[in-house]
Amino acid sequence: MNSKEAVHNYLFAERAKTNLITVSQMTAVLYELKGAEKLGAKKMLKLFIGAIEQDLRMAGNITKKQDFLEAAGILEKIENLIDNEDFNEAQLAVSSAITKATTPAQEAWQVLSENEFV
């Protein structure tokens, strides 16, 4: 991996991590909501997850890193968990997606560090 690829991988991974942490925090709030408020929150969260999923697929296609595509696949399954109000399982799946999405950042950091960019 050259320095330019490392920067791309790192930026995609960091953005994904930030967004996925937000998904985890939003999922935790769903426990407390009731009725129409919960219904609306679930719908908005699913839209946000869909946008992150698309971003991860784009990252995978651009960088050729399978980890991004695997994280996107995990997010696809999370939408059903939210529909079924299985929020514990959804949070576990988000954690798994974070791990997948941040693996390219670790590899990129090594390259950037070796080339004295960080």
C-alpha atoms as a PDB file:
ATOM      1  CA  MET A   1       0.000   0.000   0.000  1.00  0.00           C
ATOM      2  CA  ASN A   2       1.425   3.386  -0.951  1.00  0.00           C
ATOM      3  CA  SER A   3       0.985   6.597   1.039  1.00  0.00           C
ATOM      4  CA  LYS A   4      -1.951   7.847  -1.042  1.00  0.00           C
ATOM      5  CA  GLU A   5      -3.827   4.566  -0.588  1.00  0.00           C
ATOM      6  CA  ALA A   6      -3.032   4.637   3.125  1.00  0.00           C
ATOM      7  CA  VAL A   7      -4.548   8.105   3.477  1.00  0.00           C
ATOM      8  CA  HIS A   8      -7.720   6.986   1.677  1.00  0.00           C
ATOM      9  CA  ASN A   9      -8.011   3.848   3.780  1.00  0.00           C
ATOM     10  CA  TYR A  10      -7.445   5.761   6.984  1.00  0.00           C
ATOM     11  CA  LEU A  11      -9.977   8.481   6.181  1.00  0.00           C
ATOM     12  CA  PHE A  12     -12.681   6.022   5.112  1.00  0.00           C
ATOM     13  CA  ALA A  13     -12.102   3.919   8.231  1.00  0.00           C
ATOM     14  CA  GLU A  14     -12.165   6.857  10.622  1.00  0.00           C
ATOM     15  CA  ARG A  15     -15.377   8.240   9.118  1.00  0.00           C
ATOM     16  CA  ALA A  16     -16.995   4.807   9.322  1.00  0.00           C
ATOM     17  CA  LYS A  17     -15.896   4.380  12.935  1.00  0.00           C
ATOM     18  CA  THR A  18     -17.329   7.754  13.928  1.00  0.00           C
ATOM     19  CA  ASN A  19     -20.640   7.033  12.215  1.00  0.00           C
ATOM     20  CA  LEU A  20     -20.881   3.526  13.662  1.00  0.00           C
ATOM     21  CA  ILE A  21     -20.237   4.780  17.182  1.00  0.00           C
ATOM     22  CA  THR A  22     -23.115   7.212  16.627  1.00  0.00           C
ATOM     23  CA  VAL A  23     -25.329   4.301  15.500  1.00  0.00           C
ATOM     24  CA  SER A  24     -24.443   2.432  18.677  1.00  0.00           C
ATOM     25  CA  GLN A  25     -25.361   5.420  20.832  1.00  0.00           C
ATOM     26  CA  MET A  26     -28.616   5.970  18.940  1.00  0.00           C
ATOM     27  CA  THR A  27     -29.540   2.294  19.277  1.00  0.00           C
ATOM     28  CA  ALA A  28     -29.084   2.504  23.040  1.00  0.00           C
ATOM     29  CA  VAL A  29     -31.639   5.331  23.186  1.00  0.00           C
ATOM     30  CA  LEU A  30     -34.304   3.204  21.473  1.00  0.00           C
ATOM     31  CA  TYR A  31     -34.816   1.209  24.697  1.00  0.00           C
ATOM     32  CA  GLU A  32     -36.279   4.295  26.371  1.00  0.00           C
ATOM     33  CA  LEU A  33     -38.670   5.402  23.637  1.00  0.00           C
ATOM     34  CA  LYS A  34     -42.337   4.482  23.330  1.00  0.00           C
ATOM     35  CA  GLY A  35     -45.037   4.517  20.670  1.00  0.00           C
ATOM     36  CA  ALA A  36     -44.781   6.915  17.753  1.00  0.00           C
ATOM     37  CA  GLU A  37     -41.549   8.343  19.110  1.00  0.00           C
ATOM     38  CA  LYS A  38     -39.903   4.903  18.927  1.00  0.00           C
ATOM     39  CA  LEU A  39     -41.364   4.230  15.482  1.00  0.00           C
ATOM     40  CA  GLY A  40     -39.976   7.497  14.109  1.00  0.00           C
ATOM     41  CA  ALA A  41     -36.592   6.987  15.755  1.00  0.00           C
ATOM     42  CA  LYS A  42     -36.301   3.488  14.297  1.00  0.00           C
ATOM     43  CA  LYS A  43     -37.108   4.805  10.831  1.00  0.00           C
ATOM     44  CA  MET A  44     -34.511   7.590  11.049  1.00  0.00           C
ATOM     45  CA  LEU A  45     -31.879   5.233  12.455  1.00  0.00           C
ATOM     46  CA  LYS A  46     -32.459   2.784   9.614  1.00  0.00           C
ATOM     47  CA  LEU A  47     -32.037   5.599   7.083  1.00  0.00           C
ATOM     48  CA  PHE A  48     -28.771   6.619   8.750  1.00  0.00           C
ATOM     49  CA  ILE A  49     -27.555   3.010   8.773  1.00  0.00           C
ATOM     50  CA  GLY A  50     -28.413   2.736   5.078  1.00  0.00           C
ATOM     51  CA  ALA A  51     -26.304   5.801   4.304  1.00  0.00           C
ATOM     52  CA  ILE A  52     -23.356   4.394   6.251  1.00  0.00           C
ATOM     53  CA  GLU A  53     -23.766   1.063   4.494  1.00  0.00           C
ATOM     54  CA  GLN A  54     -23.555   2.811   1.116  1.00  0.00           C
ATOM     55  CA  ASP A  55     -20.480   4.729   2.252  1.00  0.00           C
ATOM     56  CA  LEU A  56     -18.804   1.483   3.350  1.00  0.00           C
ATOM     57  CA  ARG A  57     -19.589  -0.176   0.022  1.00  0.00           C
ATOM     58  CA  MET A  58     -18.084   2.805  -1.784  1.00  0.00           C
ATOM     59  CA  ALA A  59     -14.994   2.607   0.461  1.00  0.00           C
ATOM     60  CA  GLY A  60     -14.656  -1.090  -0.294  1.00  0.00           C
ATOM     61  CA  ASN A  61     -14.975  -0.540  -4.020  1.00  0.00           C
ATOM     62  CA  ILE A  62     -12.462   2.327  -4.067  1.00  0.00           C
ATOM     63  CA  THR A  63      -9.879   0.810  -1.719  1.00  0.00           C
ATOM     64  CA  LYS A  64     -10.470  -2.857  -2.590  1.00  0.00           C
ATOM     65  CA  LYS A  65     -10.518  -3.605   1.154  1.00  0.00           C
ATOM     66  CA  GLN A  66     -12.871  -6.498   1.886  1.00  0.00           C
ATOM     67  CA  ASP A  67     -13.245  -5.364   5.509  1.00  0.00           C
ATOM     68  CA  PHE A  68     -15.314  -2.368   4.396  1.00  0.00           C
ATOM     69  CA  LEU A  69     -17.641  -4.599   2.380  1.00  0.00           C
ATOM     70  CA  GLU A  70     -17.997  -7.029   5.286  1.00  0.00           C
ATOM     71  CA  ALA A  71     -18.898  -4.138   7.602  1.00  0.00           C
ATOM     72  CA  ALA A  72     -21.538  -3.043   5.063  1.00  0.00           C
ATOM     73  CA  GLY A  73     -22.973  -6.566   5.063  1.00  0.00           C
ATOM     74  CA  ILE A  74     -23.262  -6.478   8.842  1.00  0.00           C
ATOM     75  CA  LEU A  75     -25.150  -3.178   8.661  1.00  0.00           C
ATOM     76  CA  GLU A  76     -27.599  -4.659   6.188  1.00  0.00           C
ATOM     77  CA  LYS A  77     -28.575  -7.229   8.837  1.00  0.00           C
ATOM     78  CA  ILE A  78     -28.860  -4.633  11.611  1.00  0.00           C
ATOM     79  CA  GLU A  79     -31.894  -3.033   9.957  1.00  0.00           C
ATOM     80  CA  ASN A  80     -33.899  -6.245  10.524  1.00  0.00           C
ATOM     81  CA  LEU A  81     -32.737  -6.429  14.137  1.00  0.00           C
ATOM     82  CA  ILE A  82     -34.025  -2.905  14.698  1.00  0.00           C
ATOM     83  CA  ASP A  83     -37.360  -3.768  13.086  1.00  0.00           C
ATOM     84  CA  ASN A  84     -37.647  -6.714  15.480  1.00  0.00           C
ATOM     85  CA  GLU A  85     -36.557  -4.518  18.404  1.00  0.00           C
ATOM     86  CA  ASP A  86     -33.615  -6.797  19.136  1.00  0.00           C
ATOM     87  CA  PHE A  87     -31.509  -3.841  20.243  1.00  0.00           C
ATOM     88  CA  ASN A  88     -28.965  -5.895  22.218  1.00  0.00           C
ATOM     89  CA  GLU A  89     -28.130  -7.962  19.162  1.00  0.00           C
ATOM     90  CA  ALA A  90     -28.067  -4.809  17.022  1.00  0.00           C
ATOM     91  CA  GLN A  91     -25.499  -3.219  19.321  1.00  0.00           C
ATOM     92  CA  LEU A  92     -23.344  -6.352  19.194  1.00  0.00           C
ATOM     93  CA  ALA A  93     -23.530  -6.296  15.410  1.00  0.00           C
ATOM     94  CA  VAL A  94     -22.543  -2.616  15.344  1.00  0.00           C
ATOM     95  CA  SER A  95     -19.497  -3.473  17.465  1.00  0.00           C
ATOM     96  CA  SER A  96     -18.561  -6.142  14.957  1.00  0.00           C
ATOM     97  CA  ALA A  97     -18.973  -3.663  12.093  1.00  0.00           C
ATOM     98  CA  ILE A  98     -16.734  -1.166  13.912  1.00  0.00           C
ATOM     99  CA  THR A  99     -14.024  -3.802  14.205  1.00  0.00           C
ATOM    100  CA  LYS A 100     -14.268  -4.647  10.496  1.00  0.00           C
ATOM    101  CA  ALA A 101     -14.334  -1.009   9.390  1.00  0.00           C
ATOM    102  CA  THR A 102     -11.350   0.037  11.484  1.00  0.00           C
ATOM    103  CA  THR A 103      -9.017  -2.791  10.447  1.00  0.00           C
ATOM    104  CA  PRO A 104      -7.941  -0.880   7.300  1.00  0.00           C
ATOM    105  CA  ALA A 105      -7.109   2.123   9.500  1.00  0.00           C
ATOM    106  CA  GLN A 106      -4.617   0.062  11.483  1.00  0.00           C
ATOM    107  CA  GLU A 107      -2.873  -1.082   8.316  1.00  0.00           C
ATOM    108  CA  ALA A 108      -2.904   2.453   6.916  1.00  0.00           C
ATOM    109  CA  TRP A 109      -1.537   3.914  10.154  1.00  0.00           C
ATOM    110  CA  GLN A 110       1.454   1.596   9.864  1.00  0.00           C
ATOM    111  CA  VAL A 111       2.232   2.835   6.337  1.00  0.00           C
ATOM    112  CA  LEU A 112       1.701   6.472   7.293  1.00  0.00           C
ATOM    113  CA  SER A 113       3.913   6.053  10.339  1.00  0.00           C
ATOM    114  CA  GLU A 114       6.698   4.367   8.347  1.00  0.00           C
ATOM    115  CA  ASN A 115       6.629   7.269   5.895  1.00  0.00           C
ATOM    116  CA  GLU A 116       6.653   9.800   8.747  1.00  0.00           C
ATOM    117  CA  PHE A 117       3.240  11.273   7.943  1.00  0.00           C
ATOM    118  CA  VAL A 118       2.098  10.744  11.540  1.00  0.00           C
END
